[in-house]
Structures are given as structure tokens and as C-alpha cells.
PDB file of N, CA and C in Angstrom:
ATOM      1  N   MET A   1     -21.999   5.650  -4.375  1.00  0.00           N
ATOM      2  CA  MET A   1     -20.958   6.397  -3.710  1.00  0.00           C
ATOM      3  C   MET A   1     -19.720   5.509  -3.592  1.00  0.00           C
ATOM      4  N   ASN A   2     -18.574   6.089  -3.804  1.00  0.00           N
ATOM      5  CA  ASN A   2     -17.304   5.367  -3.716  1.00  0.00           C
ATOM      6  C   ASN A   2     -16.703   5.568  -2.329  1.00  0.00           C
ATOM      7  N   ILE A   3     -16.230   4.480  -1.739  1.00  0.00           N
ATOM      8  CA  ILE A   3     -15.595   4.563  -0.430  1.00  0.00           C
ATOM      9  C   ILE A   3     -14.325   3.721  -0.410  1.00  0.00           C
ATOM     10  N   SER A   4     -13.478   4.018   0.560  1.00  0.00           N
ATOM     11  CA  SER A   4     -12.242   3.256   0.714  1.00  0.00           C
ATOM     12  C   SER A   4     -12.529   1.954   1.472  1.00  0.00           C
ATOM     13  N   LYS A   5     -11.551   1.083   1.458  1.00  0.00           N
ATOM     14  CA  LYS A   5     -11.671  -0.181   2.186  1.00  0.00           C
ATOM     15  C   LYS A   5     -11.752   0.072   3.690  1.00  0.00           C
ATOM     16  N   ALA A   6     -11.027   1.080   4.155  1.00  0.00           N
ATOM     17  CA  ALA A   6     -11.058   1.422   5.579  1.00  0.00           C
ATOM     18  C   ALA A   6     -12.455   1.892   5.987  1.00  0.00           C
ATOM     19  N   LYS A   7     -13.060   2.713   5.157  1.00  0.00           N
ATOM     20  CA  LYS A   7     -14.415   3.205   5.443  1.00  0.00           C
ATOM     21  C   LYS A   7     -15.412   2.044   5.392  1.00  0.00           C
ATOM     22  N   ALA A   8     -15.237   1.122   4.441  1.00  0.00           N
ATOM     23  CA  ALA A   8     -16.117  -0.043   4.340  1.00  0.00           C
ATOM     24  C   ALA A   8     -16.019  -0.894   5.598  1.00  0.00           C
ATOM     25  N   THR A   9     -14.803  -1.086   6.094  1.00  0.00           N
ATOM     26  CA  THR A   9     -14.606  -1.853   7.321  1.00  0.00           C
ATOM     27  C   THR A   9     -15.338  -1.190   8.476  1.00  0.00           C
ATOM     28  N   ASP A  10     -15.216   0.121   8.582  1.00  0.00           N
ATOM     29  CA  ASP A  10     -15.903   0.854   9.649  1.00  0.00           C
ATOM     30  C   ASP A  10     -17.418   0.710   9.544  1.00  0.00           C
ATOM     31  N   LEU A  11     -17.948   0.802   8.320  1.00  0.00           N
ATOM     32  CA  LEU A  11     -19.392   0.670   8.123  1.00  0.00           C
ATOM     33  C   LEU A  11     -19.889  -0.722   8.509  1.00  0.00           C
ATOM     34  N   ILE A  12     -19.128  -1.745   8.136  1.00  0.00           N
ATOM     35  CA  ILE A  12     -19.520  -3.120   8.474  1.00  0.00           C
ATOM     36  C   ILE A  12     -19.512  -3.313   9.987  1.00  0.00           C
ATOM     37  N   LYS A  13     -18.422  -2.902  10.626  1.00  0.00           N
ATOM     38  CA  LYS A  13     -18.293  -3.106  12.064  1.00  0.00           C
ATOM     39  C   LYS A  13     -19.286  -2.272  12.869  1.00  0.00           C
ATOM     40  N   SER A  14     -19.708  -1.140  12.329  1.00  0.00           N
ATOM     41  CA  SER A  14     -20.651  -0.287  13.052  1.00  0.00           C
ATOM     42  C   SER A  14     -22.100  -0.526  12.638  1.00  0.00           C
ATOM     43  N   SER A  15     -22.358  -1.582  11.867  1.00  0.00           N
ATOM     44  CA  SER A  15     -23.729  -1.866  11.423  1.00  0.00           C
ATOM     45  C   SER A  15     -24.611  -2.355  12.565  1.00  0.00           C
ATOM     46  N   LYS A  16     -24.017  -2.711  13.691  1.00  0.00           N
ATOM     47  CA  LYS A  16     -24.721  -3.042  14.934  1.00  0.00           C
ATOM     48  C   LYS A  16     -25.825  -4.085  14.754  1.00  0.00           C
ATOM     49  N   GLY A  17     -25.506  -5.148  14.054  1.00  0.00           N
ATOM     50  CA  GLY A  17     -26.443  -6.256  13.932  1.00  0.00           C
ATOM     51  C   GLY A  17     -27.490  -6.098  12.854  1.00  0.00           C
ATOM     52  N   LYS A  18     -27.479  -4.969  12.138  1.00  0.00           N
ATOM     53  CA  LYS A  18     -28.428  -4.795  11.042  1.00  0.00           C
ATOM     54  C   LYS A  18     -27.933  -5.582   9.835  1.00  0.00           C
ATOM     55  N   PHE A  19     -28.872  -6.001   8.999  1.00  0.00           N
ATOM     56  CA  PHE A  19     -28.481  -6.784   7.830  1.00  0.00           C
ATOM     57  C   PHE A  19     -27.724  -5.921   6.832  1.00  0.00           C
ATOM     58  N   ILE A  20     -26.686  -6.520   6.272  1.00  0.00           N
ATOM     59  CA  ILE A  20     -25.869  -5.884   5.246  1.00  0.00           C
ATOM     60  C   ILE A  20     -25.688  -6.869   4.106  1.00  0.00           C
ATOM     61  N   ASN A  21     -25.282  -6.343   2.957  1.00  0.00           N
ATOM     62  CA  ASN A  21     -24.957  -7.199   1.819  1.00  0.00           C
ATOM     63  C   ASN A  21     -23.575  -6.819   1.342  1.00  0.00           C
ATOM     64  N   VAL A  22     -22.728  -7.820   1.117  1.00  0.00           N
ATOM     65  CA  VAL A  22     -21.385  -7.583   0.603  1.00  0.00           C
ATOM     66  C   VAL A  22     -21.187  -8.399  -0.670  1.00  0.00           C
ATOM     67  N   LYS A  23     -20.502  -7.816  -1.623  1.00  0.00           N
ATOM     68  CA  LYS A  23     -20.101  -8.532  -2.834  1.00  0.00           C
ATOM     69  C   LYS A  23     -18.581  -8.498  -2.863  1.00  0.00           C
ATOM     70  N   PHE A  24     -17.993  -9.679  -3.010  1.00  0.00           N
ATOM     71  CA  PHE A  24     -16.544  -9.790  -2.923  1.00  0.00           C
ATOM     72  C   PHE A  24     -16.063 -10.946  -3.785  1.00  0.00           C
ATOM     73  N   VAL A  25     -14.745 -11.067  -3.904  1.00  0.00           N
ATOM     74  CA  VAL A  25     -14.125 -12.155  -4.644  1.00  0.00           C
ATOM     75  C   VAL A  25     -13.559 -13.137  -3.627  1.00  0.00           C
ATOM     76  N   LYS A  26     -13.968 -14.387  -3.760  1.00  0.00           N
ATOM     77  CA  LYS A  26     -13.481 -15.424  -2.851  1.00  0.00           C
ATOM     78  C   LYS A  26     -12.023 -15.761  -3.160  1.00  0.00           C
ATOM     79  N   LYS A  27     -11.418 -16.502  -2.270  1.00  0.00           N
ATOM     80  CA  LYS A  27     -10.012 -16.889  -2.417  1.00  0.00           C
ATOM     81  C   LYS A  27      -9.759 -17.652  -3.720  1.00  0.00           C
ATOM     82  N   ASN A  28     -10.762 -18.447  -4.153  1.00  0.00           N
ATOM     83  CA  ASN A  28     -10.598 -19.230  -5.382  1.00  0.00           C
ATOM     84  C   ASN A  28     -10.923 -18.437  -6.643  1.00  0.00           C
ATOM     85  N   GLY A  29     -11.264 -17.142  -6.499  1.00  0.00           N
ATOM     86  CA  GLY A  29     -11.535 -16.289  -7.645  1.00  0.00           C
ATOM     87  C   GLY A  29     -13.013 -16.142  -7.993  1.00  0.00           C
ATOM     88  N   ASP A  30     -13.869 -16.922  -7.348  1.00  0.00           N
ATOM     89  CA  ASP A  30     -15.308 -16.803  -7.594  1.00  0.00           C
ATOM     90  C   ASP A  30     -15.843 -15.522  -6.973  1.00  0.00           C
ATOM     91  N   HIS A  31     -16.834 -14.940  -7.647  1.00  0.00           N
ATOM     92  CA  HIS A  31     -17.510 -13.763  -7.108  1.00  0.00           C
ATOM     93  C   HIS A  31     -18.662 -14.238  -6.238  1.00  0.00           C
ATOM     94  N   ARG A  32     -18.865 -13.569  -5.104  1.00  0.00           N
ATOM     95  CA  ARG A  32     -19.899 -14.013  -4.170  1.00  0.00           C
ATOM     96  C   ARG A  32     -20.616 -12.824  -3.579  1.00  0.00           C
ATOM     97  N   SER A  33     -21.901 -13.006  -3.372  1.00  0.00           N
ATOM     98  CA  SER A  33     -22.715 -12.031  -2.665  1.00  0.00           C
ATOM     99  C   SER A  33     -23.172 -12.689  -1.369  1.00  0.00           C
ATOM    100  N   LEU A  34     -23.066 -11.973  -0.260  1.00  0.00           N
ATOM    101  CA  LEU A  34     -23.415 -12.514   1.045  1.00  0.00           C
ATOM    102  C   LEU A  34     -24.316 -11.517   1.767  1.00  0.00           C
ATOM    103  N   THR A  35     -25.444 -11.984   2.235  1.00  0.00           N
ATOM    104  CA  THR A  35     -26.325 -11.169   3.064  1.00  0.00           C
ATOM    105  C   THR A  35     -26.246 -11.720   4.474  1.00  0.00           C
ATOM    106  N   GLY A  36     -25.922 -10.853   5.404  1.00  0.00           N
ATOM    107  CA  GLY A  36     -25.784 -11.295   6.778  1.00  0.00           C
ATOM    108  C   GLY A  36     -25.669 -10.116   7.708  1.00  0.00           C
ATOM    109  N   ARG A  37     -25.167 -10.387   8.903  1.00  0.00           N
ATOM    110  CA  ARG A  37     -25.012  -9.314   9.873  1.00  0.00           C
ATOM    111  C   ARG A  37     -23.880  -9.621  10.834  1.00  0.00           C
ATOM    112  N   THR A  38     -23.392  -8.585  11.440  1.00  0.00           N
ATOM    113  CA  THR A  38     -22.371  -8.743  12.475  1.00  0.00           C
ATOM    114  C   THR A  38     -23.095  -8.812  13.821  1.00  0.00           C
ATOM    115  N   GLY A  39     -22.376  -9.133  14.849  1.00  0.00           N
ATOM    116  CA  GLY A  39     -22.956  -9.134  16.182  1.00  0.00           C
ATOM    117  C   GLY A  39     -23.726 -10.392  16.541  1.00  0.00           C
ATOM    118  N   VAL A  40     -23.647 -11.437  15.718  1.00  0.00           N
ATOM    119  CA  VAL A  40     -24.289 -12.706  16.053  1.00  0.00           C
ATOM    120  C   VAL A  40     -23.276 -13.510  16.862  1.00  0.00           C
ATOM    121  N   TYR A  41     -23.548 -13.668  18.138  1.00  0.00           N
ATOM    122  CA  TYR A  41     -22.584 -14.333  19.000  1.00  0.00           C
ATOM    123  C   TYR A  41     -22.898 -15.800  19.229  1.00  0.00           C
ATOM    124  N   ASN A  42     -24.124 -16.192  18.955  1.00  0.00           N
ATOM    125  CA  ASN A  42     -24.459 -17.603  19.074  1.00  0.00           C
ATOM    126  C   ASN A  42     -25.735 -17.853  18.291  1.00  0.00           C
ATOM    127  N   SER A  43     -25.730 -18.902  17.520  1.00  0.00           N
ATOM    128  CA  SER A  43     -26.881 -19.268  16.716  1.00  0.00           C
ATOM    129  C   SER A  43     -27.135 -20.753  16.900  1.00  0.00           C
ATOM    130  N   PRO A  44     -28.395 -21.152  17.005  1.00  0.00           N
ATOM    131  CA  PRO A  44     -28.667 -22.590  17.123  1.00  0.00           C
ATOM    132  C   PRO A  44     -28.212 -23.368  15.889  1.00  0.00           C
ATOM    133  N   HIS A  45     -28.075 -22.659  14.759  1.00  0.00           N
ATOM    134  CA  HIS A  45     -27.631 -23.300  13.513  1.00  0.00           C
ATOM    135  C   HIS A  45     -26.112 -23.433  13.446  1.00  0.00           C
ATOM    136  N   ALA A  46     -25.409 -22.574  14.180  1.00  0.00           N
ATOM    137  CA  ALA A  46     -23.942 -22.605  14.178  1.00  0.00           C
ATOM    138  C   ALA A  46     -23.451 -22.269  15.584  1.00  0.00           C
ATOM    139  N   PRO A  47     -23.618 -23.206  16.512  1.00  0.00           N
ATOM    140  CA  PRO A  47     -23.244 -22.917  17.900  1.00  0.00           C
ATOM    141  C   PRO A  47     -21.746 -22.683  18.048  1.00  0.00           C
ATOM    142  N   LEU A  48     -21.417 -21.784  18.941  1.00  0.00           N
ATOM    143  CA  LEU A  48     -20.017 -21.491  19.218  1.00  0.00           C
ATOM    144  C   LEU A  48     -19.458 -22.517  20.196  1.00  0.00           C
ATOM    145  N   THR A  49     -18.157 -22.738  20.102  1.00  0.00           N
ATOM    146  CA  THR A  49     -17.520 -23.723  20.977  1.00  0.00           C
ATOM    147  C   THR A  49     -17.002 -23.091  22.258  1.00  0.00           C
ATOM    148  N   GLY A  50     -16.894 -21.770  22.275  1.00  0.00           N
ATOM    149  CA  GLY A  50     -16.359 -21.095  23.456  1.00  0.00           C
ATOM    150  C   GLY A  50     -14.866 -20.877  23.395  1.00  0.00           C
ATOM    151  N   GLU A  51     -14.202 -21.430  22.388  1.00  0.00           N
ATOM    152  CA  GLU A  51     -12.753 -21.278  22.248  1.00  0.00           C
ATOM    153  C   GLU A  51     -12.357 -19.906  21.736  1.00  0.00           C
ATOM    154  N   GLY A  52     -13.157 -19.332  20.871  1.00  0.00           N
ATOM    155  CA  GLY A  52     -12.784 -18.082  20.236  1.00  0.00           C
ATOM    156  C   GLY A  52     -11.851 -18.336  19.063  1.00  0.00           C
ATOM    157  N   LEU A  53     -11.504 -17.274  18.369  1.00  0.00           N
ATOM    158  CA  LEU A  53     -10.598 -17.399  17.227  1.00  0.00           C
ATOM    159  C   LEU A  53      -9.159 -17.517  17.710  1.00  0.00           C
ATOM    160  N   LYS A  54      -8.364 -18.210  16.961  1.00  0.00           N
ATOM    161  CA  LYS A  54      -6.951 -18.375  17.299  1.00  0.00           C
ATOM    162  C   LYS A  54      -6.088 -17.301  16.619  1.00  0.00           C
ATOM    163  N   TYR A  55      -6.744 -16.337  15.982  1.00  0.00           N
ATOM    164  CA  TYR A  55      -6.044 -15.247  15.307  1.00  0.00           C
ATOM    165  C   TYR A  55      -6.928 -14.007  15.359  1.00  0.00           C
ATOM    166  N   ASN A  56      -6.322 -12.865  15.074  1.00  0.00           N
ATOM    167  CA  ASN A  56      -7.059 -11.600  15.023  1.00  0.00           C
ATOM    168  C   ASN A  56      -7.415 -11.327  13.559  1.00  0.00           C
ATOM    169  N   PRO A  57      -8.693 -11.352  13.189  1.00  0.00           N
ATOM    170  CA  PRO A  57      -9.075 -11.138  11.788  1.00  0.00           C
ATOM    171  C   PRO A  57      -8.564  -9.816  11.220  1.00  0.00           C
ATOM    172  N   ASP A  58      -8.457  -8.778  12.054  1.00  0.00           N
ATOM    173  CA  ASP A  58      -7.963  -7.478  11.585  1.00  0.00           C
ATOM    174  C   ASP A  58      -6.541  -7.573  11.032  1.00  0.00           C
ATOM    175  N   ASP A  59      -5.739  -8.481  11.605  1.00  0.00           N
ATOM    176  CA  ASP A  59      -4.356  -8.659  11.142  1.00  0.00           C
ATOM    177  C   ASP A  59      -4.297  -9.176   9.707  1.00  0.00           C
ATOM    178  N   TYR A  60      -5.368  -9.783   9.248  1.00  0.00           N
ATOM    179  CA  TYR A  60      -5.403 -10.386   7.911  1.00  0.00           C
ATOM    180  C   TYR A  60      -6.383  -9.676   6.974  1.00  0.00           C
ATOM    181  N   GLY A  61      -6.908  -8.544   7.390  1.00  0.00           N
ATOM    182  CA  GLY A  61      -7.850  -7.807   6.559  1.00  0.00           C
ATOM    183  C   GLY A  61      -9.193  -8.508   6.429  1.00  0.00           C
ATOM    184  N   LEU A  62      -9.595  -9.224   7.468  1.00  0.00           N
ATOM    185  CA  LEU A  62     -10.847  -9.971   7.441  1.00  0.00           C
ATOM    186  C   LEU A  62     -11.855  -9.368   8.409  1.00  0.00           C
ATOM    187  N   VAL A  63     -13.126  -9.574   8.095  1.00  0.00           N
ATOM    188  CA  VAL A  63     -14.191  -9.180   9.004  1.00  0.00           C
ATOM    189  C   VAL A  63     -15.214 -10.310   9.043  1.00  0.00           C
ATOM    190  N   GLY A  64     -15.667 -10.648  10.240  1.00  0.00           N
ATOM    191  CA  GLY A  64     -16.609 -11.755  10.402  1.00  0.00           C
ATOM    192  C   GLY A  64     -18.050 -11.304  10.223  1.00  0.00           C
ATOM    193  N   ILE A  65     -18.791 -12.070   9.437  1.00  0.00           N
ATOM    194  CA  ILE A  65     -20.210 -11.802   9.183  1.00  0.00           C
ATOM    195  C   ILE A  65     -20.954 -13.128   9.295  1.00  0.00           C
ATOM    196  N   PHE A  66     -22.126 -13.109   9.932  1.00  0.00           N
ATOM    197  CA  PHE A  66     -22.963 -14.304   9.996  1.00  0.00           C
ATOM    198  C   PHE A  66     -23.826 -14.334   8.743  1.00  0.00           C
ATOM    199  N   ASP A  67     -23.619 -15.344   7.899  1.00  0.00           N
ATOM    200  CA  ASP A  67     -24.342 -15.499   6.638  1.00  0.00           C
ATOM    201  C   ASP A  67     -25.765 -15.969   6.940  1.00  0.00           C
ATOM    202  N   ALA A  68     -26.762 -15.136   6.604  1.00  0.00           N
ATOM    203  CA  ALA A  68     -28.159 -15.444   6.923  1.00  0.00           C
ATOM    204  C   ALA A  68     -28.706 -16.594   6.082  1.00  0.00           C
ATOM    205  N   GLN A  69     -28.178 -16.778   4.871  1.00  0.00           N
ATOM    206  CA  GLN A  69     -28.681 -17.854   4.005  1.00  0.00           C
ATOM    207  C   GLN A  69     -28.088 -19.201   4.387  1.00  0.00           C
ATOM    208  N   LYS A  70     -26.786 -19.232   4.611  1.00  0.00           N
ATOM    209  CA  LYS A  70     -26.118 -20.494   4.947  1.00  0.00           C
ATOM    210  C   LYS A  70     -26.127 -20.774   6.443  1.00  0.00           C
ATOM    211  N   LYS A  71     -26.567 -19.772   7.226  1.00  0.00           N
ATOM    212  CA  LYS A  71     -26.640 -19.891   8.684  1.00  0.00           C
ATOM    213  C   LYS A  71     -25.309 -20.354   9.272  1.00  0.00           C
ATOM    214  N   ALA A  72     -24.264 -19.637   8.871  1.00  0.00           N
ATOM    215  CA  ALA A  72     -22.914 -19.962   9.329  1.00  0.00           C
ATOM    216  C   ALA A  72     -22.074 -18.686   9.342  1.00  0.00           C
ATOM    217  N   TYR A  73     -21.020 -18.689  10.141  1.00  0.00           N
ATOM    218  CA  TYR A  73     -20.113 -17.563  10.207  1.00  0.00           C
ATOM    219  C   TYR A  73     -19.168 -17.603   9.012  1.00  0.00           C
ATOM    220  N   ARG A  74     -18.920 -16.449   8.414  1.00  0.00           N
ATOM    221  CA  ARG A  74     -18.012 -16.337   7.277  1.00  0.00           C
ATOM    222  C   ARG A  74     -17.054 -15.176   7.500  1.00  0.00           C
ATOM    223  N   MET A  75     -15.846 -15.333   7.005  1.00  0.00           N
ATOM    224  CA  MET A  75     -14.869 -14.247   7.027  1.00  0.00           C
ATOM    225  C   MET A  75     -14.806 -13.635   5.632  1.00  0.00           C
ATOM    226  N   VAL A  76     -14.943 -12.328   5.564  1.00  0.00           N
ATOM    227  CA  VAL A  76     -14.884 -11.618   4.287  1.00  0.00           C
ATOM    228  C   VAL A  76     -13.575 -10.848   4.243  1.00  0.00           C
ATOM    229  N   ASN A  77     -12.850 -11.016   3.146  1.00  0.00           N
ATOM    230  CA  ASN A  77     -11.585 -10.319   2.958  1.00  0.00           C
ATOM    231  C   ASN A  77     -11.883  -8.910   2.453  1.00  0.00           C
ATOM    232  N   ILE A  78     -11.551  -7.918   3.247  1.00  0.00           N
ATOM    233  CA  ILE A  78     -11.805  -6.524   2.880  1.00  0.00           C
ATOM    234  C   ILE A  78     -11.052  -6.147   1.611  1.00  0.00           C
ATOM    235  N   ASN A  79      -9.898  -6.768   1.374  1.00  0.00           N
ATOM    236  CA  ASN A  79      -9.091  -6.440   0.191  1.00  0.00           C
ATOM    237  C   ASN A  79      -9.743  -6.866  -1.116  1.00  0.00           C
ATOM    238  N   THR A  80     -10.715  -7.784  -1.051  1.00  0.00           N
ATOM    239  CA  THR A  80     -11.399  -8.212  -2.279  1.00  0.00           C
ATOM    240  C   THR A  80     -12.858  -7.741  -2.308  1.00  0.00           C
ATOM    241  N   LEU A  81     -13.233  -6.915  -1.339  1.00  0.00           N
ATOM    242  CA  LEU A  81     -14.590  -6.380  -1.266  1.00  0.00           C
ATOM    243  C   LEU A  81     -14.823  -5.418  -2.426  1.00  0.00           C
ATOM    244  N   GLN A  82     -15.934  -5.595  -3.131  1.00  0.00           N
ATOM    245  CA  GLN A  82     -16.241  -4.750  -4.279  1.00  0.00           C
ATOM    246  C   GLN A  82     -17.434  -3.833  -4.051  1.00  0.00           C
ATOM    247  N   GLU A  83     -18.407  -4.324  -3.281  1.00  0.00           N
ATOM    248  CA  GLU A  83     -19.619  -3.540  -3.059  1.00  0.00           C
ATOM    249  C   GLU A  83     -20.183  -3.845  -1.683  1.00  0.00           C
ATOM    250  N   LEU A  84     -20.755  -2.849  -1.059  1.00  0.00           N
ATOM    251  CA  LEU A  84     -21.317  -2.969   0.278  1.00  0.00           C
ATOM    252  C   LEU A  84     -22.635  -2.222   0.328  1.00  0.00           C
ATOM    253  N   THR A  85     -23.672  -2.869   0.873  1.00  0.00           N
ATOM    254  CA  THR A  85     -24.956  -2.203   1.075  1.00  0.00           C
ATOM    255  C   THR A  85     -25.279  -2.234   2.562  1.00  0.00           C
ATOM    256  N   VAL A  86     -25.454  -1.044   3.136  1.00  0.00           N
ATOM    257  CA  VAL A  86     -25.775  -0.883   4.547  1.00  0.00           C
ATOM    258  C   VAL A  86     -26.935   0.098   4.651  1.00  0.00           C
ATOM    259  N   GLU A  87     -27.993  -0.306   5.346  1.00  0.00           N
ATOM    260  CA  GLU A  87     -29.164   0.541   5.560  1.00  0.00           C
ATOM    261  C   GLU A  87     -29.690   1.117   4.242  1.00  0.00           C
ATOM    262  N   GLY A  88     -29.724   0.292   3.204  1.00  0.00           N
ATOM    263  CA  GLY A  88     -30.271   0.700   1.919  1.00  0.00           C
ATOM    264  C   GLY A  88     -29.342   1.518   1.043  1.00  0.00           C
ATOM    265  N   GLN A  89     -28.179   1.882   1.541  1.00  0.00           N
ATOM    266  CA  GLN A  89     -27.202   2.670   0.773  1.00  0.00           C
ATOM    267  C   GLN A  89     -26.136   1.730   0.222  1.00  0.00           C
ATOM    268  N   THR A  90     -25.936   1.756  -1.091  1.00  0.00           N
ATOM    269  CA  THR A  90     -24.939   0.901  -1.728  1.00  0.00           C
ATOM    270  C   THR A  90     -23.680   1.706  -2.017  1.00  0.00           C
ATOM    271  N   TYR A  91     -22.543   1.112  -1.670  1.00  0.00           N
ATOM    272  CA  TYR A  91     -21.237   1.751  -1.850  1.00  0.00           C
ATOM    273  C   TYR A  91     -20.353   0.884  -2.736  1.00  0.00           C
ATOM    274  N   SER A  92     -19.590   1.513  -3.616  1.00  0.00           N
ATOM    275  CA  SER A  92     -18.534   0.829  -4.360  1.00  0.00           C
ATOM    276  C   SER A  92     -17.268   0.943  -3.523  1.00  0.00           C
ATOM    277  N   VAL A  93     -16.567  -0.165  -3.371  1.00  0.00           N
ATOM    278  CA  VAL A  93     -15.421  -0.209  -2.460  1.00  0.00           C
ATOM    279  C   VAL A  93     -14.133  -0.381  -3.256  1.00  0.00           C
ATOM    280  N   GLY A  94     -13.070   0.223  -2.752  1.00  0.00           N
ATOM    281  CA  GLY A  94     -11.766  -0.009  -3.352  1.00  0.00           C
ATOM    282  C   GLY A  94     -11.028   1.259  -3.695  1.00  0.00           C
ATOM    283  N   TYR A  95     -11.591   2.376  -3.361  1.00  0.00           N
ATOM    284  CA  TYR A  95     -10.936   3.638  -3.652  1.00  0.00           C
ATOM    285  C   TYR A  95     -10.100   4.055  -2.460  1.00  0.00           C
ATOM    286  N   ASP A  96      -9.100   4.898  -2.705  1.00  0.00           N
ATOM    287  CA  ASP A  96      -8.221   5.275  -1.604  1.00  0.00           C
ATOM    288  C   ASP A  96      -8.913   6.249  -0.649  1.00  0.00           C
ATOM    289  N   GLN A  97      -8.272   6.495   0.470  1.00  0.00           N
ATOM    290  CA  GLN A  97      -8.867   7.341   1.500  1.00  0.00           C
ATOM    291  C   GLN A  97      -9.064   8.770   1.026  1.00  0.00           C
ATOM    292  N   PHE A  98      -8.262   9.224   0.057  1.00  0.00           N
ATOM    293  CA  PHE A  98      -8.410  10.582  -0.472  1.00  0.00           C
ATOM    294  C   PHE A  98      -9.793  10.782  -1.062  1.00  0.00           C
ATOM    295  N   ALA A  99     -10.334   9.753  -1.711  1.00  0.00           N
ATOM    296  CA  ALA A  99     -11.657   9.865  -2.326  1.00  0.00           C
ATOM    297  C   ALA A  99     -12.736  10.095  -1.276  1.00  0.00           C
ATOM    298  N   ASP A 100     -12.535   9.607  -0.065  1.00  0.00           N
ATOM    299  CA  ASP A 100     -13.531   9.809   1.001  1.00  0.00           C
ATOM    300  C   ASP A 100     -13.574  11.258   1.475  1.00  0.00           C
ATOM    301  N   THR A 101     -12.519  12.023   1.225  1.00  0.00           N
ATOM    302  CA  THR A 101     -12.481  13.406   1.699  1.00  0.00           C
ATOM    303  C   THR A 101     -13.129  14.370   0.716  1.00  0.00           C
ATOM    304  N   ILE A 102     -13.439  13.919  -0.493  1.00  0.00           N
ATOM    305  CA  ILE A 102     -14.048  14.775  -1.510  1.00  0.00           C
ATOM    306  C   ILE A 102     -15.560  14.784  -1.312  1.00  0.00           C
ATOM    307  N   PRO A 103     -16.171  15.965  -1.248  1.00  0.00           N
ATOM    308  CA  PRO A 103     -17.626  16.034  -1.063  1.00  0.00           C
ATOM    309  C   PRO A 103     -18.362  15.315  -2.194  1.00  0.00           C
ATOM    310  N   ASP A 104     -19.522  14.732  -1.869  1.00  0.00           N
ATOM    311  CA  ASP A 104     -20.329  14.029  -2.867  1.00  0.00           C
ATOM    312  C   ASP A 104     -20.586  14.913  -4.081  1.00  0.00           C
ATOM    313  N   GLY A 105     -20.426  14.322  -5.254  1.00  0.00           N
ATOM    314  CA  GLY A 105     -20.706  15.023  -6.499  1.00  0.00           C
ATOM    315  C   GLY A 105     -19.565  15.862  -7.028  1.00  0.00           C
ATOM    316  N   HIS A 106     -18.440  15.922  -6.329  1.00  0.00           N
ATOM    317  CA  HIS A 106     -17.330  16.760  -6.761  1.00  0.00           C
ATOM    318  C   HIS A 106     -16.145  15.982  -7.323  1.00  0.00           C
ATOM    319  N   LEU A 107     -16.175  14.659  -7.243  1.00  0.00           N
ATOM    320  CA  LEU A 107     -15.038  13.856  -7.674  1.00  0.00           C
ATOM    321  C   LEU A 107     -14.713  14.079  -9.146  1.00  0.00           C
ATOM    322  N   ASP A 108     -15.738  14.111 -10.008  1.00  0.00           N
ATOM    323  CA  ASP A 108     -15.499  14.289 -11.445  1.00  0.00           C
ATOM    324  C   ASP A 108     -14.790  15.607 -11.745  1.00  0.00           C
ATOM    325  N   SER A 109     -15.180  16.673 -11.062  1.00  0.00           N
ATOM    326  CA  SER A 109     -14.543  17.970 -11.329  1.00  0.00           C
ATOM    327  C   SER A 109     -13.081  17.951 -10.880  1.00  0.00           C
ATOM    328  N   TYR A 110     -12.783  17.269  -9.767  1.00  0.00           N
ATOM    329  CA  TYR A 110     -11.394  17.155  -9.331  1.00  0.00           C
ATOM    330  C   TYR A 110     -10.569  16.350 -10.334  1.00  0.00           C
ATOM    331  N   VAL A 111     -11.129  15.288 -10.859  1.00  0.00           N
ATOM    332  CA  VAL A 111     -10.422  14.466 -11.843  1.00  0.00           C
ATOM    333  C   VAL A 111     -10.151  15.284 -13.104  1.00  0.00           C
ATOM    334  N   GLU A 112     -11.135  16.057 -13.551  1.00  0.00           N
ATOM    335  CA  GLU A 112     -10.930  16.914 -14.732  1.00  0.00           C
ATOM    336  C   GLU A 112      -9.803  17.911 -14.512  1.00  0.00           C
ATOM    337  N   GLU A 113      -9.773  18.533 -13.330  1.00  0.00           N
ATOM    338  CA  GLU A 113      -8.710  19.488 -13.013  1.00  0.00           C
ATOM    339  C   GLU A 113      -7.343  18.803 -13.037  1.00  0.00           C
ATOM    340  N   ILE A 114      -7.257  17.632 -12.481  1.00  0.00           N
ATOM    341  CA  ILE A 114      -5.987  16.898 -12.458  1.00  0.00           C
ATOM    342  C   ILE A 114      -5.556  16.553 -13.887  1.00  0.00           C
ATOM    343  N   ASN A 115      -6.503  16.089 -14.700  1.00  0.00           N
ATOM    344  CA  ASN A 115      -6.183  15.741 -16.084  1.00  0.00           C
ATOM    345  C   ASN A 115      -5.701  16.961 -16.864  1.00  0.00           C
ATOM    346  N   GLU A 116      -6.289  18.114 -16.629  1.00  0.00           N
ATOM    347  CA  GLU A 116      -5.841  19.348 -17.285  1.00  0.00           C
ATOM    348  C   GLU A 116      -4.413  19.697 -16.873  1.00  0.00           C
ATOM    349  N   LEU A 117      -4.087  19.507 -15.600  1.00  0.00           N
ATOM    350  CA  LEU A 117      -2.738  19.789 -15.117  1.00  0.00           C
ATOM    351  C   LEU A 117      -1.720  18.866 -15.781  1.00  0.00           C
ATOM    352  N   GLU A 118      -2.088  17.602 -15.981  1.00  0.00           N
ATOM    353  CA  GLU A 118      -1.176  16.638 -16.583  1.00  0.00           C
ATOM    354  C   GLU A 118      -0.921  16.970 -18.042  1.00  0.00           C
ATOM    355  N   VAL A 119      -1.920  17.532 -18.735  1.00  0.00           N
ATOM    356  CA  VAL A 119      -1.772  17.865 -20.143  1.00  0.00           C
ATOM    357  C   VAL A 119      -0.863  19.076 -20.303  1.00  0.00           C
ATOM    358  N   ASN A 120      -0.989  20.036 -19.408  1.00  0.00           N
ATOM    359  CA  ASN A 120      -0.187  21.275 -19.506  1.00  0.00           C
ATOM    360  C   ASN A 120       1.173  21.049 -19.026  1.00  0.00           C
TER     361      ASN A 120
END
């Protein structure tokens, strides 16, 4: 299923501590897969200092996820997110919000109609 970046952000933030998997492009251009969860406020492997963040991740298109393999907090850039798996459902990310309003299974027929209009 194709979803927008906004919908992906909502799904990640509403995962309520359940494990998720994200595939994204890192700042250096490497592709990365991360399995983790949100809602981890303190871990013996990565204790918090109590200071909090000095910035709002939403302002930069970031979402915080606790990486279960590296046992550390990571920021994922929603703008480079390519795939998201939540509760066993895998989503392709990067489509505009209009695509989220089209009922499942109907996107191809809408694209065909648009292409026919462009030809005529």
C-alpha cells in the first residue's frame, strides 16, 4: 500500500511502543533498515540525561525511534523514508496526500483515466 509521508509519520507516532521497521536513506546516502520502537523513555543501554532535546524534531521532519539492534536512540528523516512496516503491514512511503484519499485497489484506474485525459 502506498502512503504519504504525513500518514507514515502518524503511523510511527501512533505505534504505541510496538516494534516497527523503517527503511530510509541516511544523510550520507547509505540505505538503512532499522527495527525499533517509539515510546522508549529510558533504557539501561542508553540512559537519558534528563536534559531533553534542544530542538523540536518535527521542525526538521525527524521522528525518534529506539533502535533495538544498536540499543540507542536514532532520528529518522521522514523525507528520506522509503518503506514502513507496522503491525505486519508494509507501506511504501513518498506519495502525496491525494493518494491516501483513493480507496485501495483504485489507484491504477484513476491513473488510466488521467492518462486518457492527457492524450485527448
